[in-house]
Amino acid sequence: MTTGFSKKEGATAAKKILFITPFFGRTGSEMQLLYILENLNVQKFEPYLFTRNDGTLLNDLPVNVTSFIGYKKHKNYLMRLFRILLYLVNINPIEYQLRKIQKKIKADCWYINTIVNRDAYEIALKLGVKIISHVHEMPLYYDMVKGKTIENLLKSDVCIGCSEIVCENLRDMGHKNVHLLNSFVDDRFISLNNNSIAREEFNFKANDFIWVMAGSVNAIKGVDFVIPLLKVLKTNHKIIWIGNIDDSGTTAYTKIAREIDYNDRLFFVGRKSTDYYDYFNLGHAFLLLSRQDSFPLVMQEAAHLGKPIAGFNSGGIEEYVNEKIGIVVNQLSFTKLAKAMEQIEENYSSYDKNYIKEYAKGFNAIEQTLKLELILEQGFNH
């Protein structure tokens, strides 16, 4: 779906931006990038995309965006072979490819999406390219990269944080040019199929209250928190978790404990694509258990569907959820969270779905992309 502005003949030369992202798959930060590329004014900005992987979102990429895929996952077998040859002569394939791309397109800046792009920062600094970093992570996620990557991130000309807490973390480390751009959902991507999934698939009873969770099933998202929560939660409360299931010891703990006591209350349905929102819509409300979460898109997807939200205060949720939308409690207060969830069930009819949906539209793709364009313009003039 391409909705960006058309480029006109004779218009002022657009600034060339190379957007760099690790996988271009269906993670929150990369869905966010897709929404940006869908709505970016190409009269002002000429977008290019580099992704190390042949991600599924490439199928949705606007036609005006030229994309480059890393040699490792390139569709051309010869490029994958070439990568091996580069390693044999002690040349970093990512650096070689990014240098080649930069020489070809002469980008005015590199827009580095997420801190996971460890090579991109160092290469950009070597080339003297202006760096704009879009940071979606809080400090717990910094553990995914080496300390040098964080040091290089802080050399960015501009940092964009997806929530106030992310911006605060960046300022804590001394960055002087930090801008807030709250994450957002393009609600044109939210659709429910006519063949909605039947509740009977899970053998739910009429008085069951269903919570939906979404995102990777892992420790950062709080997979191990589900069991202690279920111990203190009313038995008619059931949880559906949509997302890729990590093969980790922490996830194994939860899956094993589920089989022993909670196989009728906790359901891991795996990753979903075309029927994602059909599963999402099975829930009465949305639950967020993350240890740290900057401004999760899944929380906003829930609001776009009119669902109340409950969760631990893991970061951006406190910035988003007000008393008309849901309840946020302190981390690890399982009894308080259970009471909050039961309170939402008891007062469910008082939550105005239309209000929640309208509130979600306040973080819309068009307005947020316009804010981003102002940040970009300031960055180029900085």
Protein backbone atom coordinates (compact mmCIF):
# COMPACT_ATOMS: atom_id res chain seq x y z
CA MET A 1 0.00 0.00 0.00
CA THR A 2 1.81 3.16 -1.17
CA THR A 3 0.44 6.42 0.13
CA GLY A 4 3.50 8.69 0.08
CA PHE A 5 3.47 11.92 -1.92
CA SER A 6 4.46 11.71 -5.59
CA LYS A 7 7.66 13.37 -6.73
CA LYS A 8 7.05 16.28 -9.12
CA GLU A 9 9.20 17.37 -12.00
CA GLY A 10 11.28 20.44 -11.25
CA ALA A 11 10.84 20.19 -7.49
CA THR A 12 13.67 21.07 -5.12
CA ALA A 13 16.09 18.18 -4.84
CA ALA A 14 14.96 15.85 -2.08
CA LYS A 15 17.40 14.87 0.66
CA LYS A 16 18.56 11.30 0.19
CA ILE A 17 18.18 9.09 3.25
CA LEU A 18 19.49 5.55 3.59
CA PHE A 19 17.31 3.79 6.15
CA ILE A 20 19.24 0.95 7.77
CA THR A 21 17.44 -1.81 9.66
CA PRO A 22 18.54 -5.30 10.74
CA PHE A 23 15.84 -7.68 9.47
CA PHE A 24 12.78 -5.79 8.14
CA GLY A 25 10.56 -8.40 9.74
CA ARG A 26 7.41 -8.06 11.81
CA THR A 27 8.96 -6.62 14.95
CA GLY A 28 7.54 -3.44 16.46
CA SER A 29 10.49 -1.23 15.51
CA GLU A 30 10.52 -2.48 11.92
CA MET A 31 6.75 -2.23 11.49
CA GLN A 32 7.26 1.34 12.66
CA LEU A 33 9.81 1.89 9.90
CA LEU A 34 7.38 0.52 7.31
CA TYR A 35 4.70 2.97 8.47
CA ILE A 36 7.21 5.81 8.16
CA LEU A 37 8.20 4.81 4.62
CA GLU A 38 4.52 4.50 3.68
CA ASN A 39 3.82 8.09 4.71
CA LEU A 40 7.10 9.95 4.08
CA ASN A 41 6.89 13.01 1.81
CA VAL A 42 9.14 12.00 -1.10
CA GLN A 43 9.09 15.54 -2.47
CA LYS A 44 11.34 16.37 0.48
CA PHE A 45 13.05 13.05 1.18
CA GLU A 46 14.27 10.36 -1.19
CA PRO A 47 14.24 7.07 0.74
CA TYR A 48 16.49 4.04 0.29
CA LEU A 49 16.50 0.95 2.49
CA PHE A 50 19.26 -1.44 3.52
CA THR A 51 18.36 -4.57 5.49
CA ARG A 52 20.70 -7.43 6.37
CA ASN A 53 17.89 -9.95 5.91
CA ASP A 54 15.35 -10.62 3.18
CA GLY A 55 12.56 -9.68 5.58
CA THR A 56 8.86 -10.29 5.00
CA LEU A 57 8.09 -6.56 5.10
CA LEU A 58 9.94 -6.09 1.81
CA ASN A 59 6.73 -7.39 0.21
CA ASP A 60 4.91 -4.33 1.60
CA LEU A 61 7.59 -1.78 0.76
CA PRO A 62 6.35 1.25 -1.22
CA VAL A 63 7.43 1.15 -4.88
CA ASN A 64 9.26 4.46 -4.53
CA VAL A 65 11.77 2.97 -2.06
CA THR A 66 14.88 1.34 -3.52
CA SER A 67 15.99 -1.53 -1.31
CA PHE A 68 19.26 -3.37 -0.81
CA ILE A 69 19.54 -6.76 0.90
CA GLY A 70 22.69 -7.86 2.74
CA TYR A 71 24.85 -10.36 0.88
CA LYS A 72 24.25 -13.05 3.50
CA LYS A 73 20.52 -13.26 2.71
CA HIS A 74 20.66 -11.98 -0.86
CA LYS A 75 18.32 -13.60 -3.37
CA ASN A 76 21.23 -13.94 -5.79
CA TYR A 77 23.36 -16.95 -4.89
CA LEU A 78 26.45 -15.29 -6.39
CA MET A 79 26.16 -12.44 -3.90
CA ARG A 80 26.03 -14.94 -1.03
CA LEU A 81 29.15 -16.60 -2.44
CA PHE A 82 30.81 -13.20 -2.86
CA ARG A 83 30.27 -12.56 0.86
CA ILE A 84 32.29 -15.69 1.71
CA LEU A 85 35.08 -14.54 -0.58
CA LEU A 86 35.18 -11.16 1.16
CA TYR A 87 35.60 -12.89 4.50
CA LEU A 88 38.45 -14.98 3.09
CA VAL A 89 40.39 -11.80 2.26
CA ASN A 90 39.54 -10.26 5.66
CA ILE A 91 36.98 -7.70 4.39
CA ASN A 92 33.81 -7.02 6.38
CA PRO A 93 30.96 -7.73 3.88
CA ILE A 94 28.55 -5.29 5.54
CA GLU A 95 31.13 -2.50 5.41
CA TYR A 96 32.00 -3.33 1.82
CA GLN A 97 28.35 -3.30 0.77
CA LEU A 98 27.40 -0.14 2.66
CA ARG A 99 30.43 1.69 1.24
CA LYS A 100 29.38 0.59 -2.24
CA ILE A 101 25.77 1.70 -1.68
CA GLN A 102 26.86 5.06 -0.29
CA LYS A 103 29.16 5.64 -3.27
CA LYS A 104 26.26 4.86 -5.61
CA ILE A 105 23.41 6.84 -4.01
CA LYS A 106 25.38 9.53 -2.12
CA ALA A 107 22.92 9.60 0.77
CA ASP A 108 22.78 12.85 2.73
CA CYS A 109 22.32 10.87 5.93
CA TRP A 110 21.95 7.37 7.32
CA TYR A 111 18.86 6.74 9.39
CA ILE A 112 19.75 3.85 11.67
CA ASN A 113 16.68 2.05 12.98
CA THR A 114 17.26 0.29 16.35
CA ILE A 115 20.56 -0.17 18.18
CA VAL A 116 20.99 -3.67 16.73
CA ASN A 117 22.77 -2.26 13.65
CA ARG A 118 26.17 -2.60 15.29
CA ASP A 119 28.26 -2.23 12.08
CA ALA A 120 26.35 0.71 10.64
CA TYR A 121 27.41 3.23 13.30
CA GLU A 122 31.11 2.50 12.95
CA ILE A 123 30.97 2.53 9.14
CA ALA A 124 29.03 5.82 9.04
CA LEU A 125 31.57 7.41 11.37
CA LYS A 126 34.41 6.23 9.11
CA LEU A 127 32.67 7.73 6.08
CA GLY A 128 31.73 10.96 7.81
CA VAL A 129 28.04 10.47 7.02
CA LYS A 130 25.44 12.30 9.08
CA ILE A 131 23.70 9.83 11.44
CA ILE A 132 20.11 9.97 12.64
CA SER A 133 19.37 7.16 15.11
CA HIS A 134 15.84 5.99 15.90
CA VAL A 135 16.07 4.32 19.29
CA HIS A 136 13.29 1.97 20.41
CA GLU A 137 15.19 0.27 23.22
CA MET A 138 15.58 0.77 26.95
CA PRO A 139 18.75 -0.19 28.88
CA LEU A 140 17.80 -3.85 29.36
CA TYR A 141 17.94 -4.20 25.57
CA TYR A 142 21.39 -2.56 25.45
CA ASP A 143 22.66 -5.93 26.62
CA MET A 144 22.03 -7.20 23.07
CA VAL A 145 25.03 -5.21 21.79
CA LYS A 146 28.57 -4.42 22.86
CA GLY A 147 29.41 -1.31 24.84
CA LYS A 148 31.18 0.15 21.80
CA THR A 149 27.90 0.17 19.88
CA ILE A 150 26.28 2.34 22.56
CA GLU A 151 29.31 4.65 22.50
CA ASN A 152 28.98 4.96 18.72
CA LEU A 153 25.22 5.49 18.97
CA LEU A 154 25.90 8.54 21.15
CA LYS A 155 27.96 10.03 18.29
CA SER A 156 24.79 10.29 16.19
CA ASP A 157 23.98 13.81 15.00
CA VAL A 158 20.35 13.29 16.04
CA CYS A 159 18.72 10.70 18.30
CA ILE A 160 15.00 10.00 18.13
CA GLY A 161 13.42 8.25 21.10
CA CYS A 162 10.07 6.46 20.79
CA SER A 163 8.98 7.46 24.31
CA GLU A 164 9.90 9.92 27.05
CA ILE A 165 11.70 7.21 29.02
CA VAL A 166 13.87 6.32 26.00
CA CYS A 167 14.71 10.01 25.52
CA GLU A 168 15.59 10.29 29.20
CA ASN A 169 17.94 7.29 28.94
CA LEU A 170 19.73 8.93 25.99
CA ARG A 171 20.04 12.23 27.84
CA ASP A 172 21.35 10.35 30.88
CA MET A 173 24.28 9.32 28.68
CA GLY A 174 24.90 12.91 27.63
CA HIS A 175 23.36 13.18 24.18
CA LYS A 176 22.41 16.81 23.49
CA ASN A 177 20.14 16.45 20.45
CA VAL A 178 17.35 14.09 21.44
CA HIS A 179 13.83 14.30 19.99
CA LEU A 180 10.65 12.52 21.04
CA LEU A 181 8.62 10.73 18.39
CA ASN A 182 6.09 8.45 20.05
CA SER A 183 5.65 5.14 18.28
CA PHE A 184 2.47 4.81 16.27
CA VAL A 185 0.35 2.36 14.33
CA ASP A 186 -0.98 2.91 10.82
CA ASP A 187 -4.51 1.68 11.42
CA ARG A 188 -5.04 0.98 7.71
CA PHE A 189 -3.03 -2.18 8.36
CA ILE A 190 -5.47 -3.35 11.04
CA SER A 191 -8.11 -5.56 9.49
CA LEU A 192 -10.35 -8.37 10.67
CA ASN A 193 -11.28 -11.18 8.29
CA ASN A 194 -14.87 -12.27 7.86
CA ASN A 195 -13.96 -15.80 8.90
CA SER A 196 -13.24 -14.79 12.50
CA ILE A 197 -11.74 -17.49 14.68
CA ALA A 198 -14.31 -19.25 16.85
CA ARG A 199 -13.88 -19.06 20.60
CA GLU A 200 -14.67 -22.75 20.65
CA GLU A 201 -11.16 -23.44 19.32
CA PHE A 202 -10.00 -22.84 22.89
CA ASN A 203 -13.04 -24.32 24.64
CA PHE A 204 -13.76 -21.02 26.37
CA LYS A 205 -16.80 -20.85 28.59
CA ALA A 206 -19.38 -18.06 28.50
CA ASN A 207 -18.09 -16.49 31.73
CA ASP A 208 -14.39 -16.67 30.78
CA PHE A 209 -12.58 -13.34 30.57
CA ILE A 210 -9.93 -13.46 27.84
CA TRP A 211 -6.68 -11.52 27.87
CA VAL A 212 -4.54 -11.27 24.77
CA MET A 213 -0.77 -10.76 24.74
CA ALA A 214 1.35 -10.16 21.65
CA GLY A 215 5.05 -10.12 20.86
CA SER A 216 7.95 -12.51 21.20
CA VAL A 217 7.52 -15.09 23.94
CA ASN A 218 10.71 -14.48 25.90
CA ALA A 219 12.15 -13.28 29.20
CA ILE A 220 12.23 -9.59 28.25
CA LYS A 221 8.50 -9.75 27.50
CA GLY A 222 7.97 -11.43 30.88
CA VAL A 223 7.15 -14.98 29.88
CA ASP A 224 8.16 -16.23 33.33
CA PHE A 225 5.77 -13.75 34.95
CA VAL A 226 2.71 -15.54 33.59
CA ILE A 227 2.82 -18.46 36.02
CA PRO A 228 3.02 -16.45 39.29
CA LEU A 229 0.28 -14.20 37.90
CA LEU A 230 -2.04 -17.11 37.11
CA LYS A 231 -1.54 -18.44 40.65
CA VAL A 232 -3.28 -15.37 42.11
CA LEU A 233 -5.71 -14.61 39.27
CA LYS A 234 -9.34 -15.73 39.19
CA THR A 235 -9.63 -19.02 37.31
CA ASN A 236 -12.04 -17.68 34.71
CA HIS A 237 -9.29 -15.40 33.40
CA LYS A 238 -7.57 -16.93 30.37
CA ILE A 239 -4.52 -15.70 28.41
CA ILE A 240 -3.78 -16.04 24.68
CA TRP A 241 -0.21 -15.10 23.69
CA ILE A 242 0.47 -14.40 19.99
CA GLY A 243 4.10 -14.36 18.91
CA ASN A 244 7.25 -16.26 18.09
CA ILE A 245 8.15 -18.65 20.91
CA ASP A 246 11.80 -18.50 21.98
CA ASP A 247 13.66 -21.74 22.56
CA SER A 248 15.08 -20.74 25.91
CA GLY A 249 15.19 -22.12 29.42
CA THR A 250 12.99 -19.31 30.70
CA THR A 251 10.32 -20.06 28.12
CA ALA A 252 10.69 -23.79 28.85
CA TYR A 253 9.91 -23.12 32.53
CA THR A 254 6.63 -21.47 31.61
CA LYS A 255 5.66 -24.07 29.01
CA ILE A 256 6.35 -26.97 31.41
CA ALA A 257 4.49 -25.31 34.29
CA ARG A 258 1.60 -24.62 31.92
CA GLU A 259 1.29 -28.30 31.03
CA ILE A 260 1.12 -29.26 34.70
CA ASP A 261 -1.48 -26.77 35.99
CA TYR A 262 -2.58 -24.18 33.43
CA ASN A 263 -3.13 -25.82 30.04
CA ASP A 264 -6.74 -24.63 30.03
CA ARG A 265 -5.84 -21.03 30.98
CA LEU A 266 -2.70 -20.19 29.01
CA PHE A 267 -2.43 -20.58 25.23
CA PHE A 268 0.69 -19.96 23.13
CA VAL A 269 -0.55 -19.73 19.53
CA GLY A 270 2.77 -18.86 17.87
CA ARG A 271 3.40 -16.26 15.19
CA LYS A 272 0.42 -15.20 13.08
CA SER A 273 0.24 -13.21 9.86
CA THR A 274 -3.00 -12.79 7.89
CA ASP A 275 -5.11 -13.90 10.86
CA TYR A 276 -3.09 -11.99 13.46
CA TYR A 277 -5.85 -9.51 14.28
CA ASP A 278 -8.48 -12.25 14.34
CA TYR A 279 -6.60 -13.90 17.20
CA PHE A 280 -5.96 -10.51 18.79
CA ASN A 281 -9.66 -9.69 18.67
CA LEU A 282 -10.55 -12.81 20.69
CA GLY A 283 -9.45 -10.99 23.83
CA HIS A 284 -11.69 -8.84 25.97
CA ALA A 285 -8.63 -6.88 27.05
CA PHE A 286 -4.86 -6.62 26.55
CA LEU A 287 -2.10 -7.62 29.00
CA LEU A 288 1.49 -6.38 29.02
CA LEU A 289 4.02 -8.13 31.30
CA SER A 290 7.31 -6.84 29.88
CA ARG A 291 10.29 -6.20 32.11
CA GLN A 292 11.08 -3.14 29.98
CA ASP A 293 9.12 -1.88 26.97
CA SER A 294 9.62 1.54 25.47
CA PHE A 295 6.27 2.31 23.77
CA PRO A 296 5.04 -1.02 22.42
CA LEU A 297 3.06 -1.08 19.18
CA VAL A 298 1.05 -4.08 20.44
CA MET A 299 -0.33 -1.88 23.21
CA GLN A 300 -1.49 0.60 20.59
CA GLU A 301 -2.92 -2.15 18.39
CA ALA A 302 -5.03 -3.19 21.36
CA ALA A 303 -6.29 0.38 21.77
CA HIS A 304 -7.10 0.60 18.05
CA LEU A 305 -9.32 -2.45 18.60
CA GLY A 306 -10.97 -0.75 21.59
CA LYS A 307 -9.52 -3.05 24.25
CA PRO A 308 -8.73 -1.99 27.85
CA ILE A 309 -5.10 -2.47 28.89
CA ALA A 310 -3.51 -3.80 32.08
CA GLY A 311 0.14 -4.32 32.81
CA PHE A 312 3.28 -3.77 34.79
CA ASN A 313 4.90 -0.34 34.58
CA SER A 314 7.66 -1.35 32.20
CA GLY A 315 8.28 2.06 30.61
CA GLY A 316 6.12 3.62 27.92
CA ILE A 317 2.89 2.01 29.09
CA GLU A 318 2.65 4.58 31.90
CA GLU A 319 2.99 7.37 29.32
CA TYR A 320 0.14 5.93 27.24
CA VAL A 321 -2.48 4.40 29.53
CA ASN A 322 -4.87 6.66 31.41
CA GLU A 323 -7.71 5.70 33.76
CA LYS A 324 -10.21 5.55 30.89
CA ILE A 325 -8.06 3.00 29.05
CA GLY A 326 -6.79 0.68 31.75
CA ILE A 327 -4.66 0.16 34.83
CA VAL A 328 -0.88 0.08 35.34
CA VAL A 329 0.73 -1.33 38.50
CA ASN A 330 4.30 -1.50 39.79
CA GLN A 331 6.60 -4.25 38.54
CA LEU A 332 6.35 -7.68 40.19
CA SER A 333 3.21 -6.80 42.14
CA PHE A 334 1.40 -9.91 40.93
CA THR A 335 -1.42 -9.64 43.46
CA LYS A 336 -2.03 -5.98 42.56
CA LEU A 337 -1.96 -6.80 38.86
CA ALA A 338 -4.42 -9.66 39.35
CA LYS A 339 -6.76 -7.32 41.26
CA ALA A 340 -6.44 -4.73 38.47
CA MET A 341 -7.32 -7.36 35.85
CA GLU A 342 -10.30 -8.51 37.90
CA GLN A 343 -11.35 -4.86 38.32
CA ILE A 344 -11.32 -4.42 34.53
CA GLU A 345 -13.53 -7.51 34.22
CA GLU A 346 -15.97 -6.19 36.84
CA ASN A 347 -16.14 -2.74 35.24
CA TYR A 348 -15.80 -3.92 31.65
CA SER A 349 -18.97 -2.23 30.43
CA SER A 350 -17.71 1.14 31.71
CA TYR A 351 -14.75 1.11 29.32
CA ASP A 352 -15.85 3.04 26.24
CA LYS A 353 -14.47 1.20 23.21
CA ASN A 354 -15.07 4.19 20.96
CA TYR A 355 -13.14 6.46 23.32
CA ILE A 356 -10.22 4.00 23.40
CA LYS A 357 -10.19 3.78 19.59
CA GLU A 358 -10.28 7.57 19.22
CA TYR A 359 -7.50 7.93 21.79
CA ALA A 360 -5.37 5.50 19.77
CA LYS A 361 -5.92 7.59 16.64
CA GLY A 362 -4.17 10.46 18.40
CA PHE A 363 -0.92 8.63 17.61
CA ASN A 364 -1.61 8.37 13.88
CA ALA A 365 0.73 7.72 10.99
CA ILE A 366 0.17 10.97 9.10
CA GLU A 367 0.69 13.36 12.03
CA GLN A 368 3.59 11.39 13.51
CA THR A 369 5.38 11.22 10.15
CA LEU A 370 4.96 14.98 9.76
CA LYS A 371 6.62 15.39 13.19
CA LEU A 372 9.43 13.14 11.99
CA GLU A 373 9.89 15.24 8.86
CA LEU A 374 10.35 18.35 11.03
CA ILE A 375 12.98 16.48 13.06
CA LEU A 376 14.72 15.42 9.84
CA GLU A 377 14.73 18.98 8.50
CA GLN A 378 16.22 20.26 11.77
CA GLY A 379 18.80 17.49 11.59
CA PHE A 380 19.92 18.49 8.13
CA ASN A 381 20.23 22.12 9.25
CA HIS A 382 22.08 21.19 12.45
